[in-house]
Amino acid sequence: MFVSTGCKRNYTMRSVFYGTKGTIICDNKSEHFDLFLMDENDHKVETVPQEIPVEVANHNAVGEFKCFADAVLSGADVPTDAVAGAKTIAVCMAIVESAKKMEPVKPDYDFSV
């Protein structure tokens, strides 16, 4: 799932992941990604992020594209199935609904037909 809204800068593939134990910020134009960790009391461990080296000018989803191509061209198995993809979309839909309602919305994982 890729989302880009209101971008006012030169093209990059910037990804930000917010978790309960920290934050990861990566950009395909940088030689590292930033890792901000939280302690068990949800306090920042460090105000300066850890810099984890990565390959520069790499598309953030090159692995996913390769996996898809392998599946199409050679019939290789993929590590995720349609249900995992549907769960990703359900989360995204809940985020949009939550923003509209201005309140938390749980994703609907009931995919029965």
PDB file of N, CA and C in Angstrom:
ATOM      1  N   MET A   1       0.855  -1.167   0.000  1.00  0.00           N
ATOM      2  CA  MET A   1       0.000   0.000   0.000  1.00  0.00           C
ATOM      3  C   MET A   1       0.897   1.223   0.000  1.00  0.00           C
ATOM      4  N   PHE A   2       0.776   2.075  -0.984  1.00  0.00           N
ATOM      5  CA  PHE A   2       1.539   3.317  -1.060  1.00  0.00           C
ATOM      6  C   PHE A   2       0.569   4.482  -1.051  1.00  0.00           C
ATOM      7  N   VAL A   3       0.889   5.498  -0.265  1.00  0.00           N
ATOM      8  CA  VAL A   3       0.050   6.684  -0.184  1.00  0.00           C
ATOM      9  C   VAL A   3       0.931   7.909  -0.293  1.00  0.00           C
ATOM     10  N   SER A   4       0.515   8.862  -1.101  1.00  0.00           N
ATOM     11  CA  SER A   4       1.228  10.130  -1.213  1.00  0.00           C
ATOM     12  C   SER A   4       0.194  11.229  -1.360  1.00  0.00           C
ATOM     13  N   THR A   5       0.164  12.130  -0.410  1.00  0.00           N
ATOM     14  CA  THR A   5      -0.796  13.228  -0.475  1.00  0.00           C
ATOM     15  C   THR A   5      -0.105  14.538  -0.181  1.00  0.00           C
ATOM     16  N   GLY A   6      -0.363  15.511  -0.996  1.00  0.00           N
ATOM     17  CA  GLY A   6       0.116  16.853  -0.740  1.00  0.00           C
ATOM     18  C   GLY A   6       1.620  17.020  -0.741  1.00  0.00           C
ATOM     19  N   CYS A   7       2.345  16.212  -1.484  1.00  0.00           N
ATOM     20  CA  CYS A   7       3.803  16.277  -1.489  1.00  0.00           C
ATOM     21  C   CYS A   7       4.254  17.597  -2.101  1.00  0.00           C
ATOM     22  N   LYS A   8       5.087  18.335  -1.383  1.00  0.00           N
ATOM     23  CA  LYS A   8       5.568  19.632  -1.844  1.00  0.00           C
ATOM     24  C   LYS A   8       7.088  19.656  -1.955  1.00  0.00           C
ATOM     25  N   ARG A   9       7.701  18.527  -2.253  1.00  0.00           N
ATOM     26  CA  ARG A   9       9.155  18.464  -2.357  1.00  0.00           C
ATOM     27  C   ARG A   9       9.543  17.560  -3.517  1.00  0.00           C
ATOM     28  N   ASN A  10      10.825  17.527  -3.810  1.00  0.00           N
ATOM     29  CA  ASN A  10      11.307  16.641  -4.864  1.00  0.00           C
ATOM     30  C   ASN A  10      10.986  15.200  -4.505  1.00  0.00           C
ATOM     31  N   TYR A  11      10.854  14.357  -5.517  1.00  0.00           N
ATOM     32  CA  TYR A  11      10.487  12.963  -5.319  1.00  0.00           C
ATOM     33  C   TYR A  11      11.492  12.216  -4.452  1.00  0.00           C
ATOM     34  N   THR A  12      10.998  11.541  -3.478  1.00  0.00           N
ATOM     35  CA  THR A  12      11.752  10.564  -2.697  1.00  0.00           C
ATOM     36  C   THR A  12      10.768   9.485  -2.275  1.00  0.00           C
ATOM     37  N   MET A  13      11.301   8.373  -1.831  1.00  0.00           N
ATOM     38  CA  MET A  13      10.477   7.315  -1.249  1.00  0.00           C
ATOM     39  C   MET A  13      10.721   7.356   0.252  1.00  0.00           C
ATOM     40  N   ARG A  14      10.052   8.223   0.937  1.00  0.00           N
ATOM     41  CA  ARG A  14      10.218   8.377   2.381  1.00  0.00           C
ATOM     42  C   ARG A  14       9.160   7.536   3.080  1.00  0.00           C
ATOM     43  N   SER A  15       9.598   6.751   4.037  1.00  0.00           N
ATOM     44  CA  SER A  15       8.691   5.927   4.819  1.00  0.00           C
ATOM     45  C   SER A  15       8.930   6.209   6.296  1.00  0.00           C
ATOM     46  N   VAL A  16       7.851   6.304   7.040  1.00  0.00           N
ATOM     47  CA  VAL A  16       7.934   6.524   8.474  1.00  0.00           C
ATOM     48  C   VAL A  16       7.047   5.477   9.135  1.00  0.00           C
ATOM     49  N   PHE A  17       7.623   4.753  10.086  1.00  0.00           N
ATOM     50  CA  PHE A  17       6.898   3.705  10.795  1.00  0.00           C
ATOM     51  C   PHE A  17       6.861   4.066  12.275  1.00  0.00           C
ATOM     52  N   TYR A  18       5.652   4.221  12.818  1.00  0.00           N
ATOM     53  CA  TYR A  18       5.476   4.553  14.221  1.00  0.00           C
ATOM     54  C   TYR A  18       5.032   3.295  14.953  1.00  0.00           C
ATOM     55  N   GLY A  19       5.780   2.910  15.962  1.00  0.00           N
ATOM     56  CA  GLY A  19       5.432   1.737  16.747  1.00  0.00           C
ATOM     57  C   GLY A  19       5.381   2.080  18.225  1.00  0.00           C
ATOM     58  N   THR A  20       4.976   1.124  19.021  1.00  0.00           N
ATOM     59  CA  THR A  20       4.871   1.366  20.456  1.00  0.00           C
ATOM     60  C   THR A  20       6.238   1.444  21.133  1.00  0.00           C
ATOM     61  N   LYS A  21       7.264   0.916  20.490  1.00  0.00           N
ATOM     62  CA  LYS A  21       8.611   0.910  21.070  1.00  0.00           C
ATOM     63  C   LYS A  21       9.586   1.840  20.358  1.00  0.00           C
ATOM     64  N   GLY A  22       9.114   2.528  19.309  1.00  0.00           N
ATOM     65  CA  GLY A  22      10.014   3.432  18.626  1.00  0.00           C
ATOM     66  C   GLY A  22       9.492   3.860  17.278  1.00  0.00           C
ATOM     67  N   THR A  23      10.334   4.595  16.559  1.00  0.00           N
ATOM     68  CA  THR A  23       9.999   5.119  15.241  1.00  0.00           C
ATOM     69  C   THR A  23      11.166   4.877  14.294  1.00  0.00           C
ATOM     70  N   ILE A  24      10.857   4.505  13.049  1.00  0.00           N
ATOM     71  CA  ILE A  24      11.865   4.341  12.006  1.00  0.00           C
ATOM     72  C   ILE A  24      11.522   5.327  10.893  1.00  0.00           C
ATOM     73  N   ILE A  25      12.520   6.075  10.450  1.00  0.00           N
ATOM     74  CA  ILE A  25      12.348   6.994   9.328  1.00  0.00           C
ATOM     75  C   ILE A  25      13.397   6.639   8.284  1.00  0.00           C
ATOM     76  N   CYS A  26      12.946   6.339   7.061  1.00  0.00           N
ATOM     77  CA  CYS A  26      13.893   6.021   6.000  1.00  0.00           C
ATOM     78  C   CYS A  26      13.517   6.767   4.729  1.00  0.00           C
ATOM     79  N   ASP A  27      14.532   7.084   3.957  1.00  0.00           N
ATOM     80  CA  ASP A  27      14.371   7.845   2.723  1.00  0.00           C
ATOM     81  C   ASP A  27      15.385   7.302   1.727  1.00  0.00           C
ATOM     82  N   ASN A  28      14.957   7.006   0.511  1.00  0.00           N
ATOM     83  CA  ASN A  28      15.864   6.375  -0.443  1.00  0.00           C
ATOM     84  C   ASN A  28      16.993   7.291  -0.912  1.00  0.00           C
ATOM     85  N   LYS A  29      17.036   8.515  -0.473  1.00  0.00           N
ATOM     86  CA  LYS A  29      18.128   9.413  -0.831  1.00  0.00           C
ATOM     87  C   LYS A  29      19.154   9.529   0.299  1.00  0.00           C
ATOM     88  N   SER A  30      18.935   8.812   1.373  1.00  0.00           N
ATOM     89  CA  SER A  30      19.828   8.875   2.529  1.00  0.00           C
ATOM     90  C   SER A  30      20.651   7.592   2.643  1.00  0.00           C
ATOM     91  N   GLU A  31      21.863   7.699   3.181  1.00  0.00           N
ATOM     92  CA  GLU A  31      22.737   6.534   3.357  1.00  0.00           C
ATOM     93  C   GLU A  31      22.431   5.771   4.641  1.00  0.00           C
ATOM     94  N   HIS A  32      21.387   6.167   5.345  1.00  0.00           N
ATOM     95  CA  HIS A  32      21.014   5.479   6.585  1.00  0.00           C
ATOM     96  C   HIS A  32      19.520   5.682   6.839  1.00  0.00           C
ATOM     97  N   PHE A  33      18.968   4.855   7.721  1.00  0.00           N
ATOM     98  CA  PHE A  33      17.648   5.179   8.239  1.00  0.00           C
ATOM     99  C   PHE A  33      17.800   5.502   9.710  1.00  0.00           C
ATOM    100  N   ASP A  34      16.874   6.295  10.221  1.00  0.00           N
ATOM    101  CA  ASP A  34      16.925   6.745  11.611  1.00  0.00           C
ATOM    102  C   ASP A  34      16.033   5.864  12.465  1.00  0.00           C
ATOM    103  N   LEU A  35      16.559   5.457  13.604  1.00  0.00           N
ATOM    104  CA  LEU A  35      15.821   4.634  14.546  1.00  0.00           C
ATOM    105  C   LEU A  35      15.747   5.368  15.880  1.00  0.00           C
ATOM    106  N   PHE A  36      14.541   5.710  16.302  1.00  0.00           N
ATOM    107  CA  PHE A  36      14.300   6.339  17.602  1.00  0.00           C
ATOM    108  C   PHE A  36      13.655   5.289  18.490  1.00  0.00           C
ATOM    109  N   LEU A  37      14.260   4.972  19.615  1.00  0.00           N
ATOM    110  CA  LEU A  37      13.733   3.944  20.514  1.00  0.00           C
ATOM    111  C   LEU A  37      13.097   4.574  21.750  1.00  0.00           C
ATOM    112  N   MET A  38      12.108   3.853  22.308  1.00  0.00           N
ATOM    113  CA  MET A  38      11.456   4.257  23.551  1.00  0.00           C
ATOM    114  C   MET A  38      11.816   3.232  24.623  1.00  0.00           C
ATOM    115  N   ASP A  39      11.820   3.669  25.882  1.00  0.00           N
ATOM    116  CA  ASP A  39      12.064   2.718  26.965  1.00  0.00           C
ATOM    117  C   ASP A  39      10.731   2.138  27.437  1.00  0.00           C
ATOM    118  N   GLU A  40      10.767   1.326  28.485  1.00  0.00           N
ATOM    119  CA  GLU A  40       9.552   0.659  28.953  1.00  0.00           C
ATOM    120  C   GLU A  40       8.515   1.637  29.507  1.00  0.00           C
ATOM    121  N   ASN A  41       8.906   2.886  29.788  1.00  0.00           N
ATOM    122  CA  ASN A  41       7.973   3.903  30.273  1.00  0.00           C
ATOM    123  C   ASN A  41       7.566   4.877  29.166  1.00  0.00           C
ATOM    124  N   ASP A  42       7.811   4.498  27.914  1.00  0.00           N
ATOM    125  CA  ASP A  42       7.489   5.321  26.746  1.00  0.00           C
ATOM    126  C   ASP A  42       8.218   6.654  26.730  1.00  0.00           C
ATOM    127  N   HIS A  43       9.445   6.656  27.239  1.00  0.00           N
ATOM    128  CA  HIS A  43      10.296   7.835  27.155  1.00  0.00           C
ATOM    129  C   HIS A  43      11.364   7.580  26.102  1.00  0.00           C
ATOM    130  N   LYS A  44      11.745   8.632  25.397  1.00  0.00           N
ATOM    131  CA  LYS A  44      12.801   8.483  24.404  1.00  0.00           C
ATOM    132  C   LYS A  44      14.068   7.997  25.074  1.00  0.00           C
ATOM    133  N   VAL A  45      14.694   6.982  24.484  1.00  0.00           N
ATOM    134  CA  VAL A  45      15.961   6.479  24.993  1.00  0.00           C
ATOM    135  C   VAL A  45      17.065   7.478  24.644  1.00  0.00           C
ATOM    136  N   GLU A  46      17.010   7.996  23.426  1.00  0.00           N
ATOM    137  CA  GLU A  46      17.987   8.973  22.972  1.00  0.00           C
ATOM    138  C   GLU A  46      17.256  10.040  22.175  1.00  0.00           C
ATOM    139  N   THR A  47      17.698  11.287  22.274  1.00  0.00           N
ATOM    140  CA  THR A  47      17.075  12.332  21.459  1.00  0.00           C
ATOM    141  C   THR A  47      17.668  12.354  20.058  1.00  0.00           C
ATOM    142  N   VAL A  48      18.864  11.790  19.896  1.00  0.00           N
ATOM    143  CA  VAL A  48      19.495  11.673  18.578  1.00  0.00           C
ATOM    144  C   VAL A  48      19.268  10.238  18.110  1.00  0.00           C
ATOM    145  N   PRO A  49      18.767  10.057  16.888  1.00  0.00           N
ATOM    146  CA  PRO A  49      18.456   8.696  16.437  1.00  0.00           C
ATOM    147  C   PRO A  49      19.711   7.870  16.163  1.00  0.00           C
ATOM    148  N   GLN A  50      19.551   6.560  16.248  1.00  0.00           N
ATOM    149  CA  GLN A  50      20.593   5.663  15.765  1.00  0.00           C
ATOM    150  C   GLN A  50      20.522   5.704  14.238  1.00  0.00           C
ATOM    151  N   GLU A  51      21.662   5.737  13.577  1.00  0.00           N
ATOM    152  CA  GLU A  51      21.694   5.738  12.112  1.00  0.00           C
ATOM    153  C   GLU A  51      22.126   4.363  11.631  1.00  0.00           C
ATOM    154  N   ILE A  52      21.228   3.673  10.942  1.00  0.00           N
ATOM    155  CA  ILE A  52      21.472   2.327  10.448  1.00  0.00           C
ATOM    156  C   ILE A  52      21.797   2.435   8.953  1.00  0.00           C
ATOM    157  N   PRO A  53      22.994   2.007   8.520  1.00  0.00           N
ATOM    158  CA  PRO A  53      23.372   2.140   7.104  1.00  0.00           C
ATOM    159  C   PRO A  53      22.455   1.342   6.170  1.00  0.00           C
ATOM    160  N   VAL A  54      22.135   1.935   5.024  1.00  0.00           N
ATOM    161  CA  VAL A  54      21.348   1.277   3.977  1.00  0.00           C
ATOM    162  C   VAL A  54      21.891   1.681   2.614  1.00  0.00           C
ATOM    163  N   GLU A  55      21.509   0.936   1.584  1.00  0.00           N
ATOM    164  CA  GLU A  55      21.921   1.241   0.219  1.00  0.00           C
ATOM    165  C   GLU A  55      21.202   2.503  -0.270  1.00  0.00           C
ATOM    166  N   VAL A  56      21.940   3.423  -0.867  1.00  0.00           N
ATOM    167  CA  VAL A  56      21.365   4.673  -1.363  1.00  0.00           C
ATOM    168  C   VAL A  56      20.692   4.457  -2.716  1.00  0.00           C
ATOM    169  N   ALA A  57      19.672   5.263  -2.989  1.00  0.00           N
ATOM    170  CA  ALA A  57      18.954   5.269  -4.270  1.00  0.00           C
ATOM    171  C   ALA A  57      18.271   3.940  -4.557  1.00  0.00           C
ATOM    172  N   ASN A  58      17.840   3.265  -3.537  1.00  0.00           N
ATOM    173  CA  ASN A  58      17.109   2.017  -3.675  1.00  0.00           C
ATOM    174  C   ASN A  58      15.630   2.322  -3.462  1.00  0.00           C
ATOM    175  N   HIS A  59      14.790   1.795  -4.302  1.00  0.00           N
ATOM    176  CA  HIS A  59      13.359   1.969  -4.125  1.00  0.00           C
ATOM    177  C   HIS A  59      12.941   1.209  -2.873  1.00  0.00           C
ATOM    178  N   ASN A  60      12.117   1.812  -2.038  1.00  0.00           N
ATOM    179  CA  ASN A  60      11.741   1.188  -0.761  1.00  0.00           C
ATOM    180  C   ASN A  60      11.049  -0.166  -0.922  1.00  0.00           C
ATOM    181  N   ALA A  61      10.439  -0.416  -2.056  1.00  0.00           N
ATOM    182  CA  ALA A  61       9.683  -1.658  -2.213  1.00  0.00           C
ATOM    183  C   ALA A  61      10.283  -2.592  -3.250  1.00  0.00           C
ATOM    184  N   VAL A  62      11.587  -2.460  -3.524  1.00  0.00           N
ATOM    185  CA  VAL A  62      12.208  -3.303  -4.547  1.00  0.00           C
ATOM    186  C   VAL A  62      12.050  -4.788  -4.204  1.00  0.00           C
ATOM    187  N   GLY A  63      12.113  -5.145  -2.947  1.00  0.00           N
ATOM    188  CA  GLY A  63      11.934  -6.544  -2.543  1.00  0.00           C
ATOM    189  C   GLY A  63      10.547  -7.061  -2.859  1.00  0.00           C
ATOM    190  N   GLU A  64       9.532  -6.235  -2.617  1.00  0.00           N
ATOM    191  CA  GLU A  64       8.159  -6.629  -2.913  1.00  0.00           C
ATOM    192  C   GLU A  64       7.954  -6.803  -4.421  1.00  0.00           C
ATOM    193  N   PHE A  65       8.534  -5.889  -5.213  1.00  0.00           N
ATOM    194  CA  PHE A  65       8.404  -5.992  -6.668  1.00  0.00           C
ATOM    195  C   PHE A  65       9.081  -7.255  -7.189  1.00  0.00           C
ATOM    196  N   LYS A  66      10.255  -7.585  -6.646  1.00  0.00           N
ATOM    197  CA  LYS A  66      10.976  -8.793  -7.064  1.00  0.00           C
ATOM    198  C   LYS A  66      10.155 -10.040  -6.719  1.00  0.00           C
ATOM    199  N   CYS A  67       9.599 -10.061  -5.529  1.00  0.00           N
ATOM    200  CA  CYS A  67       8.785 -11.194  -5.092  1.00  0.00           C
ATOM    201  C   CYS A  67       7.588 -11.384  -6.021  1.00  0.00           C
ATOM    202  N   PHE A  68       6.921 -10.290  -6.374  1.00  0.00           N
ATOM    203  CA  PHE A  68       5.770 -10.351  -7.272  1.00  0.00           C
ATOM    204  C   PHE A  68       6.190 -10.882  -8.644  1.00  0.00           C
ATOM    205  N   ALA A  69       7.296 -10.359  -9.158  1.00  0.00           N
ATOM    206  CA  ALA A  69       7.785 -10.803 -10.471  1.00  0.00           C
ATOM    207  C   ALA A  69       8.140 -12.288 -10.444  1.00  0.00           C
ATOM    208  N   ASP A  70       8.792 -12.754  -9.383  1.00  0.00           N
ATOM    209  CA  ASP A  70       9.139 -14.176  -9.267  1.00  0.00           C
ATOM    210  C   ASP A  70       7.885 -15.042  -9.255  1.00  0.00           C
ATOM    211  N   ALA A  71       6.853 -14.571  -8.560  1.00  0.00           N
ATOM    212  CA  ALA A  71       5.611 -15.340  -8.489  1.00  0.00           C
ATOM    213  C   ALA A  71       4.957 -15.432  -9.863  1.00  0.00           C
ATOM    214  N   VAL A  72       4.936 -14.319 -10.588  1.00  0.00           N
ATOM    215  CA  VAL A  72       4.309 -14.301 -11.909  1.00  0.00           C
ATOM    216  C   VAL A  72       5.121 -15.106 -12.922  1.00  0.00           C
ATOM    217  N   LEU A  73       6.434 -14.902 -12.920  1.00  0.00           N
ATOM    218  CA  LEU A  73       7.271 -15.516 -13.952  1.00  0.00           C
ATOM    219  C   LEU A  73       7.590 -16.982 -13.705  1.00  0.00           C
ATOM    220  N   SER A  74       7.756 -17.367 -12.437  1.00  0.00           N
ATOM    221  CA  SER A  74       8.177 -18.744 -12.176  1.00  0.00           C
ATOM    222  C   SER A  74       7.226 -19.520 -11.278  1.00  0.00           C
ATOM    223  N   GLY A  75       6.144 -18.883 -10.850  1.00  0.00           N
ATOM    224  CA  GLY A  75       5.198 -19.577  -9.982  1.00  0.00           C
ATOM    225  C   GLY A  75       5.680 -19.716  -8.549  1.00  0.00           C
ATOM    226  N   ALA A  76       6.708 -18.955  -8.169  1.00  0.00           N
ATOM    227  CA  ALA A  76       7.243 -19.026  -6.802  1.00  0.00           C
ATOM    228  C   ALA A  76       6.170 -18.612  -5.790  1.00  0.00           C
ATOM    229  N   ASP A  77       6.242 -19.206  -4.617  1.00  0.00           N
ATOM    230  CA  ASP A  77       5.326 -18.827  -3.542  1.00  0.00           C
ATOM    231  C   ASP A  77       5.661 -17.427  -3.048  1.00  0.00           C
ATOM    232  N   VAL A  78       4.647 -16.717  -2.582  1.00  0.00           N
ATOM    233  CA  VAL A  78       4.859 -15.399  -1.982  1.00  0.00           C
ATOM    234  C   VAL A  78       4.728 -15.529  -0.470  1.00  0.00           C
ATOM    235  N   PRO A  79       5.464 -14.703   0.282  1.00  0.00           N
ATOM    236  CA  PRO A  79       5.425 -14.833   1.745  1.00  0.00           C
ATOM    237  C   PRO A  79       4.128 -14.342   2.373  1.00  0.00           C
ATOM    238  N   THR A  80       3.307 -13.607   1.631  1.00  0.00           N
ATOM    239  CA  THR A  80       2.023 -13.142   2.155  1.00  0.00           C
ATOM    240  C   THR A  80       0.924 -13.595   1.212  1.00  0.00           C
ATOM    241  N   ASP A  81      -0.277 -13.717   1.754  1.00  0.00           N
ATOM    242  CA  ASP A  81      -1.398 -14.156   0.933  1.00  0.00           C
ATOM    243  C   ASP A  81      -2.425 -13.033   0.804  1.00  0.00           C
ATOM    244  N   ALA A  82      -3.536 -13.322   0.152  1.00  0.00           N
ATOM    245  CA  ALA A  82      -4.572 -12.317  -0.076  1.00  0.00           C
ATOM    246  C   ALA A  82      -5.158 -11.798   1.234  1.00  0.00           C
ATOM    247  N   VAL A  83      -5.254 -12.661   2.241  1.00  0.00           N
ATOM    248  CA  VAL A  83      -5.800 -12.230   3.532  1.00  0.00           C
ATOM    249  C   VAL A  83      -4.889 -11.177   4.169  1.00  0.00           C
ATOM    250  N   ALA A  84      -3.575 -11.394   4.094  1.00  0.00           N
ATOM    251  CA  ALA A  84      -2.641 -10.398   4.638  1.00  0.00           C
ATOM    252  C   ALA A  84      -2.797  -9.072   3.899  1.00  0.00           C
ATOM    253  N   GLY A  85      -2.959  -9.119   2.582  1.00  0.00           N
ATOM    254  CA  GLY A  85      -3.187  -7.900   1.812  1.00  0.00           C
ATOM    255  C   GLY A  85      -4.492  -7.222   2.197  1.00  0.00           C
ATOM    256  N   ALA A  86      -5.529  -8.022   2.387  1.00  0.00           N
ATOM    257  CA  ALA A  86      -6.827  -7.477   2.787  1.00  0.00           C
ATOM    258  C   ALA A  86      -6.740  -6.820   4.167  1.00  0.00           C
ATOM    259  N   LYS A  87      -5.955  -7.398   5.057  1.00  0.00           N
ATOM    260  CA  LYS A  87      -5.779  -6.797   6.383  1.00  0.00           C
ATOM    261  C   LYS A  87      -5.094  -5.435   6.280  1.00  0.00           C
ATOM    262  N   THR A  88      -4.129  -5.319   5.380  1.00  0.00           N
ATOM    263  CA  THR A  88      -3.459  -4.037   5.172  1.00  0.00           C
ATOM    264  C   THR A  88      -4.458  -2.986   4.706  1.00  0.00           C
ATOM    265  N   ILE A  89      -5.296  -3.348   3.751  1.00  0.00           N
ATOM    266  CA  ILE A  89      -6.308  -2.423   3.245  1.00  0.00           C
ATOM    267  C   ILE A  89      -7.307  -2.078   4.345  1.00  0.00           C
ATOM    268  N   ALA A  90      -7.699  -3.073   5.158  1.00  0.00           N
ATOM    269  CA  ALA A  90      -8.641  -2.819   6.252  1.00  0.00           C
ATOM    270  C   ALA A  90      -8.072  -1.796   7.238  1.00  0.00           C
ATOM    271  N   VAL A  91      -6.783  -1.908   7.525  1.00  0.00           N
ATOM    272  CA  VAL A  91      -6.150  -0.940   8.427  1.00  0.00           C
ATOM    273  C   VAL A  91      -6.179   0.455   7.801  1.00  0.00           C
ATOM    274  N   CYS A  92      -5.832   0.542   6.528  1.00  0.00           N
ATOM    275  CA  CYS A  92      -5.839   1.842   5.840  1.00  0.00           C
ATOM    276  C   CYS A  92      -7.237   2.452   5.830  1.00  0.00           C
ATOM    277  N   MET A  93      -8.248   1.627   5.590  1.00  0.00           N
ATOM    278  CA  MET A  93      -9.625   2.122   5.589  1.00  0.00           C
ATOM    279  C   MET A  93     -10.033   2.605   6.977  1.00  0.00           C
ATOM    280  N   ALA A  94      -9.594   1.902   8.017  1.00  0.00           N
ATOM    281  CA  ALA A  94      -9.899   2.320   9.385  1.00  0.00           C
ATOM    282  C   ALA A  94      -9.209   3.647   9.712  1.00  0.00           C
ATOM    283  N   ILE A  95      -8.000   3.846   9.196  1.00  0.00           N
ATOM    284  CA  ILE A  95      -7.285   5.103   9.423  1.00  0.00           C
ATOM    285  C   ILE A  95      -8.051   6.264   8.798  1.00  0.00           C
ATOM    286  N   VAL A  96      -8.521   6.086   7.564  1.00  0.00           N
ATOM    287  CA  VAL A  96      -9.283   7.139   6.892  1.00  0.00           C
ATOM    288  C   VAL A  96     -10.576   7.426   7.651  1.00  0.00           C
ATOM    289  N   GLU A  97     -11.293   6.372   8.041  1.00  0.00           N
ATOM    290  CA  GLU A  97     -12.538   6.549   8.792  1.00  0.00           C
ATOM    291  C   GLU A  97     -12.277   7.240  10.127  1.00  0.00           C
ATOM    292  N   SER A  98     -11.208   6.849  10.793  1.00  0.00           N
ATOM    293  CA  SER A  98     -10.839   7.458  12.069  1.00  0.00           C
ATOM    294  C   SER A  98     -10.580   8.957  11.904  1.00  0.00           C
ATOM    295  N   ALA A  99      -9.885   9.317  10.818  1.00  0.00           N
ATOM    296  CA  ALA A  99      -9.602  10.735  10.569  1.00  0.00           C
ATOM    297  C   ALA A  99     -10.894  11.510  10.329  1.00  0.00           C
ATOM    298  N   LYS A 100     -11.834  10.904   9.616  1.00  0.00           N
ATOM    299  CA  LYS A 100     -13.113  11.575   9.354  1.00  0.00           C
ATOM    300  C   LYS A 100     -13.933  11.743  10.630  1.00  0.00           C
ATOM    301  N   LYS A 101     -13.966  10.707  11.464  1.00  0.00           N
ATOM    302  CA  LYS A 101     -14.768  10.725  12.688  1.00  0.00           C
ATOM    303  C   LYS A 101     -14.059  11.416  13.849  1.00  0.00           C
ATOM    304  N   MET A 102     -12.731  11.590  13.697  1.00  0.00           N
ATOM    305  CA  MET A 102     -11.924  12.171  14.788  1.00  0.00           C
ATOM    306  C   MET A 102     -12.004  11.323  16.061  1.00  0.00           C
ATOM    307  N   GLU A 103     -11.998   9.990  15.865  1.00  0.00           N
ATOM    308  CA  GLU A 103     -12.007   9.054  16.989  1.00  0.00           C
ATOM    309  C   GLU A 103     -11.401   7.736  16.517  1.00  0.00           C
ATOM    310  N   PRO A 104     -10.926   6.911  17.450  1.00  0.00           N
ATOM    311  CA  PRO A 104     -10.335   5.627  17.058  1.00  0.00           C
ATOM    312  C   PRO A 104     -11.357   4.720  16.356  1.00  0.00           C
ATOM    313  N   VAL A 105     -10.891   4.005  15.340  1.00  0.00           N
ATOM    314  CA  VAL A 105     -11.716   3.036  14.616  1.00  0.00           C
ATOM    315  C   VAL A 105     -10.907   1.757  14.488  1.00  0.00           C
ATOM    316  N   LYS A 106     -11.483   0.641  14.927  1.00  0.00           N
ATOM    317  CA  LYS A 106     -10.802  -0.650  14.793  1.00  0.00           C
ATOM    318  C   LYS A 106     -10.987  -1.186  13.378  1.00  0.00           C
ATOM    319  N   PRO A 107      -9.928  -1.757  12.810  1.00  0.00           N
ATOM    320  CA  PRO A 107     -10.067  -2.359  11.476  1.00  0.00           C
ATOM    321  C   PRO A 107     -11.047  -3.522  11.493  1.00  0.00           C
ATOM    322  N   ASP A 108     -11.789  -3.684  10.411  1.00  0.00           N
ATOM    323  CA  ASP A 108     -12.730  -4.797  10.267  1.00  0.00           C
ATOM    324  C   ASP A 108     -12.017  -5.930   9.529  1.00  0.00           C
ATOM    325  N   TYR A 109     -11.707  -6.996  10.263  1.00  0.00           N
ATOM    326  CA  TYR A 109     -11.006  -8.132   9.675  1.00  0.00           C
ATOM    327  C   TYR A 109     -11.945  -9.278   9.308  1.00  0.00           C
ATOM    328  N   ASP A 110     -13.242  -9.017   9.258  1.00  0.00           N
ATOM    329  CA  ASP A 110     -14.199 -10.057   8.893  1.00  0.00           C
ATOM    330  C   ASP A 110     -14.303 -10.092   7.370  1.00  0.00           C
ATOM    331  N   PHE A 111     -13.581 -11.022   6.767  1.00  0.00           N
ATOM    332  CA  PHE A 111     -13.543 -11.132   5.314  1.00  0.00           C
ATOM    333  C   PHE A 111     -14.434 -12.259   4.791  1.00  0.00           C
ATOM    334  N   SER A 112     -15.360 -12.757   5.625  1.00  0.00           N
ATOM    335  CA  SER A 112     -16.233 -13.841   5.158  1.00  0.00           C
ATOM    336  C   SER A 112     -17.178 -13.312   4.090  1.00  0.00           C
ATOM    337  N   VAL A 113     -17.499 -14.184   3.159  1.00  0.00           N
ATOM    338  CA  VAL A 113     -18.340 -13.772   2.034  1.00  0.00           C
ATOM    339  C   VAL A 113     -19.770 -14.173   2.246  1.00  0.00           C
TER     340      VAL A 113
END
